[in-house]
Amino acid sequence: MLENEEVALLLLGDYTPMPNGANIAIVQNCFFVVRKDKRKDRVEISSQELSRALLEADQRSLKVIGWCHSHPKITILPSHVDLATQLTMQTMDSRFFGLIYSCFHTNQDLTQRIQVTAFQSISDESGSIDGIQQIKIPLTIPPLENGLMSVDRMSKLAEIPSRLYDETCLAAEHTSHLGQTSENSSLQCTEPLPAETTLESLSISRRVCLLLDKFIVPALQCLD
């Protein structure tokens, strides 16, 4: 379902200072965002979602220390937009970092290959987008304790279909609002054609069906 769309989340955790002046960022949780923009090569996090993430982090006595997004079927290297977004985030905290997951790559033996990288951004004196460079950050992924996933992490996995459903509902509300605006507005505007409304409704229904088929049903089968 998300093979052709980038997804994003915010990373919650804290920093551990080192004697050499560096900091180790420890990710303890994450916040799944409802995406503002859903495209194959771009995803945006709204200010409302960032505020919600800050509130959840505060309730857990944590900080928002980074962000993460996927690169489905494309290189793991950050784009100019990624580097610019990261540089903006670093204005809030110089330790803020980004993660990119490159996924949905099928090898010749039909196995899947997933890559991940951690990065920050640095800008030259010009201030142009071309002047922003990537700084790679060492990344360590510790193994699960006793090979088991914690209850907290399991609950976070359960949030994924819920968030995707929220996005689908928002799309449906937006479509309905456009129709009401066209009917009630005194301004001259083009009302959506019945065929367009039907296609949009079918698209939303398709996303709900995919959500059931690709996420919810397999998850329930794993729990049985």
C-alpha atoms as a PDB file:
ATOM      1  CA  MET A   1       0.000   0.000   0.000  1.00  0.00           C
ATOM      2  CA  LEU A   2       2.864   2.402   0.797  1.00  0.00           C
ATOM      3  CA  GLU A   3       5.098   1.078  -1.951  1.00  0.00           C
ATOM      4  CA  ASN A   4       4.439   4.214  -3.994  1.00  0.00           C
ATOM      5  CA  GLU A   5       4.207   6.834  -1.232  1.00  0.00           C
ATOM      6  CA  GLU A   6       6.716   8.248   1.195  1.00  0.00           C
ATOM      7  CA  VAL A   7       5.799   7.997   4.873  1.00  0.00           C
ATOM      8  CA  ALA A   8       7.208   9.946   7.810  1.00  0.00           C
ATOM      9  CA  LEU A   9       7.403   9.834  11.578  1.00  0.00           C
ATOM     10  CA  LEU A  10       9.053  11.802  14.354  1.00  0.00           C
ATOM     11  CA  LEU A  11      11.571  10.212  16.720  1.00  0.00           C
ATOM     12  CA  LEU A  12      11.236  10.602  20.488  1.00  0.00           C
ATOM     13  CA  GLY A  13      14.116  10.069  22.892  1.00  0.00           C
ATOM     14  CA  ASP A  14      16.953  11.895  24.615  1.00  0.00           C
ATOM     15  CA  TYR A  15      20.643  12.704  24.319  1.00  0.00           C
ATOM     16  CA  THR A  16      23.547  11.275  26.303  1.00  0.00           C
ATOM     17  CA  PRO A  17      26.546  13.664  26.473  1.00  0.00           C
ATOM     18  CA  MET A  18      30.010  12.172  25.932  1.00  0.00           C
ATOM     19  CA  PRO A  19      33.337  13.329  27.476  1.00  0.00           C
ATOM     20  CA  ASN A  20      34.564  14.522  24.059  1.00  0.00           C
ATOM     21  CA  GLY A  21      31.648  16.955  23.775  1.00  0.00           C
ATOM     22  CA  ALA A  22      29.634  14.831  21.343  1.00  0.00           C
ATOM     23  CA  ASN A  23      26.133  13.529  22.052  1.00  0.00           C
ATOM     24  CA  ILE A  24      24.595  10.109  21.513  1.00  0.00           C
ATOM     25  CA  ALA A  25      20.940  10.298  20.491  1.00  0.00           C
ATOM     26  CA  ILE A  26      18.918   7.399  21.894  1.00  0.00           C
ATOM     27  CA  VAL A  27      15.577   6.790  20.179  1.00  0.00           C
ATOM     28  CA  GLN A  28      13.078   5.385  22.676  1.00  0.00           C
ATOM     29  CA  ASN A  29       9.795   5.876  20.863  1.00  0.00           C
ATOM     30  CA  CYS A  30       8.249   7.357  17.753  1.00  0.00           C
ATOM     31  CA  PHE A  31       5.236   9.377  16.674  1.00  0.00           C
ATOM     32  CA  PHE A  32       3.389   8.421  13.489  1.00  0.00           C
ATOM     33  CA  VAL A  33       2.230  11.556  11.717  1.00  0.00           C
ATOM     34  CA  VAL A  34      -0.833  12.111   9.570  1.00  0.00           C
ATOM     35  CA  ARG A  35       0.815  13.236   6.352  1.00  0.00           C
ATOM     36  CA  LYS A  36       0.094  16.689   4.973  1.00  0.00           C
ATOM     37  CA  ASP A  37       1.323  15.760   1.493  1.00  0.00           C
ATOM     38  CA  LYS A  38       1.435  12.225   0.064  1.00  0.00           C
ATOM     39  CA  ARG A  39       3.536  11.724  -3.026  1.00  0.00           C
ATOM     40  CA  LYS A  40       5.986   9.192  -4.419  1.00  0.00           C
ATOM     41  CA  ASP A  41       8.943  11.506  -3.896  1.00  0.00           C
ATOM     42  CA  ARG A  42       7.831  13.854  -1.111  1.00  0.00           C
ATOM     43  CA  VAL A  43       6.159  13.888   2.288  1.00  0.00           C
ATOM     44  CA  GLU A  44       5.379  16.878   4.507  1.00  0.00           C
ATOM     45  CA  ILE A  45       4.814  17.088   8.261  1.00  0.00           C
ATOM     46  CA  SER A  46       2.339  19.767   9.304  1.00  0.00           C
ATOM     47  CA  SER A  47       2.923  22.113  12.239  1.00  0.00           C
ATOM     48  CA  GLN A  48      -0.121  20.569  13.956  1.00  0.00           C
ATOM     49  CA  GLU A  49       1.451  17.109  13.861  1.00  0.00           C
ATOM     50  CA  LEU A  50       4.747  18.494  15.153  1.00  0.00           C
ATOM     51  CA  SER A  51       2.880  20.101  18.064  1.00  0.00           C
ATOM     52  CA  ARG A  52       1.161  16.787  18.831  1.00  0.00           C
ATOM     53  CA  ALA A  53       4.519  15.009  18.796  1.00  0.00           C
ATOM     54  CA  LEU A  54       6.010  17.578  21.175  1.00  0.00           C
ATOM     55  CA  LEU A  55       3.049  17.091  23.528  1.00  0.00           C
ATOM     56  CA  GLU A  56       3.424  13.296  23.519  1.00  0.00           C
ATOM     57  CA  ALA A  57       7.176  13.592  24.080  1.00  0.00           C
ATOM     58  CA  ASP A  58       6.591  15.908  27.044  1.00  0.00           C
ATOM     59  CA  GLN A  59       4.075  13.461  28.537  1.00  0.00           C
ATOM     60  CA  ARG A  60       6.721  10.719  28.306  1.00  0.00           C
ATOM     61  CA  SER A  61       9.483  13.008  29.681  1.00  0.00           C
ATOM     62  CA  LEU A  62      11.257  12.752  26.322  1.00  0.00           C
ATOM     63  CA  LYS A  63      12.257  15.094  23.508  1.00  0.00           C
ATOM     64  CA  VAL A  64      11.603  15.120  19.765  1.00  0.00           C
ATOM     65  CA  ILE A  65      15.170  14.364  18.670  1.00  0.00           C
ATOM     66  CA  GLY A  66      14.792  13.478  14.999  1.00  0.00           C
ATOM     67  CA  TRP A  67      12.616  12.607  12.046  1.00  0.00           C
ATOM     68  CA  CYS A  68      12.415   9.643   9.717  1.00  0.00           C
ATOM     69  CA  HIS A  69      10.931   9.053   6.278  1.00  0.00           C
ATOM     70  CA  SER A  70      10.969   6.386   3.602  1.00  0.00           C
ATOM     71  CA  HIS A  71      12.376   6.332   0.081  1.00  0.00           C
ATOM     72  CA  PRO A  72      10.363   3.597  -1.653  1.00  0.00           C
ATOM     73  CA  LYS A  73      12.181   2.188  -4.698  1.00  0.00           C
ATOM     74  CA  ILE A  74      14.659   5.080  -4.824  1.00  0.00           C
ATOM     75  CA  THR A  75      18.173   5.715  -3.548  1.00  0.00           C
ATOM     76  CA  ILE A  76      18.854   6.193   0.134  1.00  0.00           C
ATOM     77  CA  LEU A  77      20.653   9.491  -0.492  1.00  0.00           C
ATOM     78  CA  PRO A  78      18.761  12.549   0.844  1.00  0.00           C
ATOM     79  CA  SER A  79      17.338  14.907  -1.766  1.00  0.00           C
ATOM     80  CA  HIS A  80      17.868  18.684  -1.779  1.00  0.00           C
ATOM     81  CA  VAL A  81      14.432  18.986  -0.144  1.00  0.00           C
ATOM     82  CA  ASP A  82      15.457  16.498   2.575  1.00  0.00           C
ATOM     83  CA  LEU A  83      18.686  18.394   3.250  1.00  0.00           C
ATOM     84  CA  ALA A  84      16.874  21.741   3.390  1.00  0.00           C
ATOM     85  CA  THR A  85      14.218  20.336   5.749  1.00  0.00           C
ATOM     86  CA  GLN A  86      16.908  18.862   7.987  1.00  0.00           C
ATOM     87  CA  LEU A  87      18.794  22.165   8.096  1.00  0.00           C
ATOM     88  CA  THR A  88      15.592  23.933   9.163  1.00  0.00           C
ATOM     89  CA  MET A  89      15.022  21.376  11.930  1.00  0.00           C
ATOM     90  CA  GLN A  90      18.568  21.933  13.201  1.00  0.00           C
ATOM     91  CA  THR A  91      17.744  25.578  13.909  1.00  0.00           C
ATOM     92  CA  MET A  92      15.572  24.304  16.798  1.00  0.00           C
ATOM     93  CA  ASP A  93      18.285  21.966  18.110  1.00  0.00           C
ATOM     94  CA  SER A  94      21.723  21.469  16.557  1.00  0.00           C
ATOM     95  CA  ARG A  95      21.608  17.802  17.619  1.00  0.00           C
ATOM     96  CA  PHE A  96      18.439  17.070  15.621  1.00  0.00           C
ATOM     97  CA  PHE A  97      19.009  14.366  12.985  1.00  0.00           C
ATOM     98  CA  GLY A  98      17.222  12.572  10.185  1.00  0.00           C
ATOM     99  CA  LEU A  99      16.794   8.921   9.191  1.00  0.00           C
ATOM    100  CA  ILE A 100      15.994   7.639   5.707  1.00  0.00           C
ATOM    101  CA  TYR A 101      14.823   4.105   4.927  1.00  0.00           C
ATOM    102  CA  SER A 102      15.218   2.945   1.337  1.00  0.00           C
ATOM    103  CA  CYS A 103      12.792   0.048   0.858  1.00  0.00           C
ATOM    104  CA  PHE A 104      10.760  -2.070  -1.581  1.00  0.00           C
ATOM    105  CA  HIS A 105      13.858  -3.105  -3.533  1.00  0.00           C
ATOM    106  CA  THR A 106      13.447  -6.645  -4.892  1.00  0.00           C
ATOM    107  CA  ASN A 107      16.626  -8.601  -5.674  1.00  0.00           C
ATOM    108  CA  GLN A 108      16.965 -11.251  -8.386  1.00  0.00           C
ATOM    109  CA  ASP A 109      16.236 -13.996  -5.842  1.00  0.00           C
ATOM    110  CA  LEU A 110      12.984 -12.150  -4.907  1.00  0.00           C
ATOM    111  CA  THR A 111      14.321 -11.108  -1.492  1.00  0.00           C
ATOM    112  CA  GLN A 112      13.761  -7.598  -0.166  1.00  0.00           C
ATOM    113  CA  ARG A 113      16.648  -5.238   0.596  1.00  0.00           C
ATOM    114  CA  ILE A 114      16.253  -2.391   3.089  1.00  0.00           C
ATOM    115  CA  GLN A 115      18.864   0.307   3.678  1.00  0.00           C
ATOM    116  CA  VAL A 116      18.953   2.988   6.363  1.00  0.00           C
ATOM    117  CA  THR A 117      21.108   6.052   6.891  1.00  0.00           C
ATOM    118  CA  ALA A 118      21.347   8.786   9.534  1.00  0.00           C
ATOM    119  CA  PHE A 119      22.326  12.312   8.547  1.00  0.00           C
ATOM    120  CA  GLN A 120      22.482  16.004   9.331  1.00  0.00           C
ATOM    121  CA  SER A 121      22.934  19.015   7.046  1.00  0.00           C
ATOM    122  CA  ILE A 122      25.551  21.724   6.792  1.00  0.00           C
ATOM    123  CA  SER A 123      25.357  24.878   4.684  1.00  0.00           C
ATOM    124  CA  ASP A 124      28.086  26.963   3.077  1.00  0.00           C
ATOM    125  CA  GLU A 125      28.189  30.750   3.089  1.00  0.00           C
ATOM    126  CA  SER A 126      26.055  31.092  -0.065  1.00  0.00           C
ATOM    127  CA  GLY A 127      22.837  29.998   1.648  1.00  0.00           C
ATOM    128  CA  SER A 128      21.606  28.351  -1.564  1.00  0.00           C
ATOM    129  CA  ILE A 129      20.020  24.891  -1.764  1.00  0.00           C
ATOM    130  CA  ASP A 130      22.988  23.658  -3.800  1.00  0.00           C
ATOM    131  CA  GLY A 131      25.244  24.749  -0.952  1.00  0.00           C
ATOM    132  CA  ILE A 132      23.685  22.344   1.579  1.00  0.00           C
ATOM    133  CA  GLN A 133      25.713  19.184   2.150  1.00  0.00           C
ATOM    134  CA  GLN A 134      24.978  15.889   3.906  1.00  0.00           C
ATOM    135  CA  ILE A 135      26.823  14.847   7.056  1.00  0.00           C
ATOM    136  CA  LYS A 136      26.626  11.112   7.708  1.00  0.00           C
ATOM    137  CA  ILE A 137      26.058  10.065  11.322  1.00  0.00           C
ATOM    138  CA  PRO A 138      27.056   6.646  12.748  1.00  0.00           C
ATOM    139  CA  LEU A 139      23.971   4.530  13.415  1.00  0.00           C
ATOM    140  CA  THR A 140      23.605   1.511  15.691  1.00  0.00           C
ATOM    141  CA  ILE A 141      20.460  -0.647  15.881  1.00  0.00           C
ATOM    142  CA  PRO A 142      20.578  -2.796  19.054  1.00  0.00           C
ATOM    143  CA  PRO A 143      18.951  -6.255  18.950  1.00  0.00           C
ATOM    144  CA  LEU A 144      15.658  -6.897  20.714  1.00  0.00           C
ATOM    145  CA  GLU A 145      15.993  -7.952  24.332  1.00  0.00           C
ATOM    146  CA  ASN A 146      15.485 -11.741  24.492  1.00  0.00           C
ATOM    147  CA  GLY A 147      14.406 -11.548  20.862  1.00  0.00           C
ATOM    148  CA  LEU A 148      10.987 -10.217  21.912  1.00  0.00           C
ATOM    149  CA  MET A 149       9.298  -6.926  21.096  1.00  0.00           C
ATOM    150  CA  SER A 150       8.126  -4.843  24.046  1.00  0.00           C
ATOM    151  CA  VAL A 151       4.447  -4.120  24.634  1.00  0.00           C
ATOM    152  CA  ASP A 152       5.098  -0.424  23.973  1.00  0.00           C
ATOM    153  CA  ARG A 153       6.593  -1.195  20.563  1.00  0.00           C
ATOM    154  CA  MET A 154       3.750  -3.555  19.751  1.00  0.00           C
ATOM    155  CA  SER A 155       1.253  -0.813  20.544  1.00  0.00           C
ATOM    156  CA  LYS A 156       3.133   1.531  18.213  1.00  0.00           C
ATOM    157  CA  LEU A 157       2.889  -1.011  15.403  1.00  0.00           C
ATOM    158  CA  ALA A 158      -0.842  -1.169  16.020  1.00  0.00           C
ATOM    159  CA  GLU A 159      -1.017   2.606  15.465  1.00  0.00           C
ATOM    160  CA  ILE A 160       0.104   2.312  11.830  1.00  0.00           C
ATOM    161  CA  PRO A 161      -3.237   1.214  10.332  1.00  0.00           C
ATOM    162  CA  SER A 162      -5.047   3.656  12.629  1.00  0.00           C
ATOM    163  CA  ARG A 163      -3.011   6.591  11.317  1.00  0.00           C
ATOM    164  CA  LEU A 164      -3.470   5.489   7.708  1.00  0.00           C
ATOM    165  CA  TYR A 165      -7.210   5.255   8.302  1.00  0.00           C
ATOM    166  CA  ASP A 166      -7.177   8.792   9.751  1.00  0.00           C
ATOM    167  CA  GLU A 167      -5.537  10.012   6.540  1.00  0.00           C
ATOM    168  CA  THR A 168      -8.221   8.296   4.475  1.00  0.00           C
ATOM    169  CA  CYS A 169     -10.971   9.899   6.571  1.00  0.00           C
ATOM    170  CA  LEU A 170      -9.375  13.332   6.158  1.00  0.00           C
ATOM    171  CA  ALA A 171      -9.307  12.841   2.391  1.00  0.00           C
ATOM    172  CA  ALA A 172     -13.007  11.902   2.450  1.00  0.00           C
ATOM    173  CA  GLU A 173     -13.873  14.953   4.575  1.00  0.00           C
ATOM    174  CA  HIS A 174     -11.913  17.190   2.205  1.00  0.00           C
ATOM    175  CA  THR A 175     -13.814  15.830  -0.790  1.00  0.00           C
ATOM    176  CA  SER A 176     -17.153  16.341   0.994  1.00  0.00           C
ATOM    177  CA  HIS A 177     -16.176  19.884   1.996  1.00  0.00           C
ATOM    178  CA  LEU A 178     -15.326  20.788  -1.595  1.00  0.00           C
ATOM    179  CA  GLY A 179     -18.747  19.597  -2.707  1.00  0.00           C
ATOM    180  CA  GLN A 180     -20.539  21.617  -0.020  1.00  0.00           C
ATOM    181  CA  THR A 181     -18.487  24.714  -0.841  1.00  0.00           C
ATOM    182  CA  SER A 182     -19.448  24.461  -4.496  1.00  0.00           C
ATOM    183  CA  GLU A 183     -23.134  24.126  -3.636  1.00  0.00           C
ATOM    184  CA  ASN A 184     -23.312  26.902  -1.037  1.00  0.00           C
ATOM    185  CA  SER A 185     -20.869  29.473  -2.343  1.00  0.00           C
ATOM    186  CA  SER A 186     -22.262  32.548  -4.077  1.00  0.00           C
ATOM    187  CA  LEU A 187     -19.025  32.881  -6.031  1.00  0.00           C
ATOM    188  CA  GLN A 188     -18.691  31.465  -9.488  1.00  0.00           C
ATOM    189  CA  CYS A 189     -16.888  28.142  -9.153  1.00  0.00           C
ATOM    190  CA  THR A 190     -16.821  24.859 -10.947  1.00  0.00           C
ATOM    191  CA  GLU A 191     -18.704  22.122  -9.126  1.00  0.00           C
ATOM    192  CA  PRO A 192     -17.101  18.677  -9.176  1.00  0.00           C
ATOM    193  CA  LEU A 193     -18.625  16.446 -11.813  1.00  0.00           C
ATOM    194  CA  PRO A 194     -20.545  13.364 -10.592  1.00  0.00           C
ATOM    195  CA  ALA A 195     -17.937  11.158 -12.260  1.00  0.00           C
ATOM    196  CA  GLU A 196     -15.127  12.955 -10.402  1.00  0.00           C
ATOM    197  CA  THR A 197     -16.920  12.536  -7.075  1.00  0.00           C
ATOM    198  CA  THR A 198     -17.509   8.848  -7.800  1.00  0.00           C
ATOM    199  CA  LEU A 199     -13.867   8.285  -8.734  1.00  0.00           C
ATOM    200  CA  GLU A 200     -12.713  10.002  -5.546  1.00  0.00           C
ATOM    201  CA  SER A 201     -15.080   7.867  -3.453  1.00  0.00           C
ATOM    202  CA  LEU A 202     -13.834   4.709  -5.165  1.00  0.00           C
ATOM    203  CA  SER A 203     -10.234   5.753  -4.530  1.00  0.00           C
ATOM    204  CA  ILE A 204     -10.949   6.218  -0.821  1.00  0.00           C
ATOM    205  CA  SER A 205     -12.761   2.859  -0.663  1.00  0.00           C
ATOM    206  CA  ARG A 206      -9.793   1.223  -2.368  1.00  0.00           C
ATOM    207  CA  ARG A 207      -7.409   2.616   0.259  1.00  0.00           C
ATOM    208  CA  VAL A 208      -9.583   1.228   3.058  1.00  0.00           C
ATOM    209  CA  CYS A 209      -9.671  -2.200   1.378  1.00  0.00           C
ATOM    210  CA  LEU A 210      -5.893  -2.168   0.936  1.00  0.00           C
ATOM    211  CA  LEU A 211      -5.505  -1.194   4.581  1.00  0.00           C
ATOM    212  CA  LEU A 212      -7.548  -4.225   5.621  1.00  0.00           C
ATOM    213  CA  ASP A 213      -5.819  -6.578   3.198  1.00  0.00           C
ATOM    214  CA  LYS A 214      -2.194  -5.471   3.662  1.00  0.00           C
ATOM    215  CA  PHE A 215      -2.100  -4.464   7.325  1.00  0.00           C
ATOM    216  CA  ILE A 216      -4.970  -5.483   9.556  1.00  0.00           C
ATOM    217  CA  VAL A 217      -5.687  -9.027   8.321  1.00  0.00           C
ATOM    218  CA  PRO A 218      -1.981 -10.098   8.278  1.00  0.00           C
ATOM    219  CA  ALA A 219      -1.485  -8.609  11.758  1.00  0.00           C
ATOM    220  CA  LEU A 220      -4.447 -10.554  13.138  1.00  0.00           C
ATOM    221  CA  GLN A 221      -3.137 -13.735  11.502  1.00  0.00           C
ATOM    222  CA  CYS A 222       0.232 -13.252  13.213  1.00  0.00           C
ATOM    223  CA  LEU A 223      -1.475 -12.896  16.583  1.00  0.00           C
ATOM    224  CA  ASP A 224      -3.537 -16.076  16.163  1.00  0.00           C
END
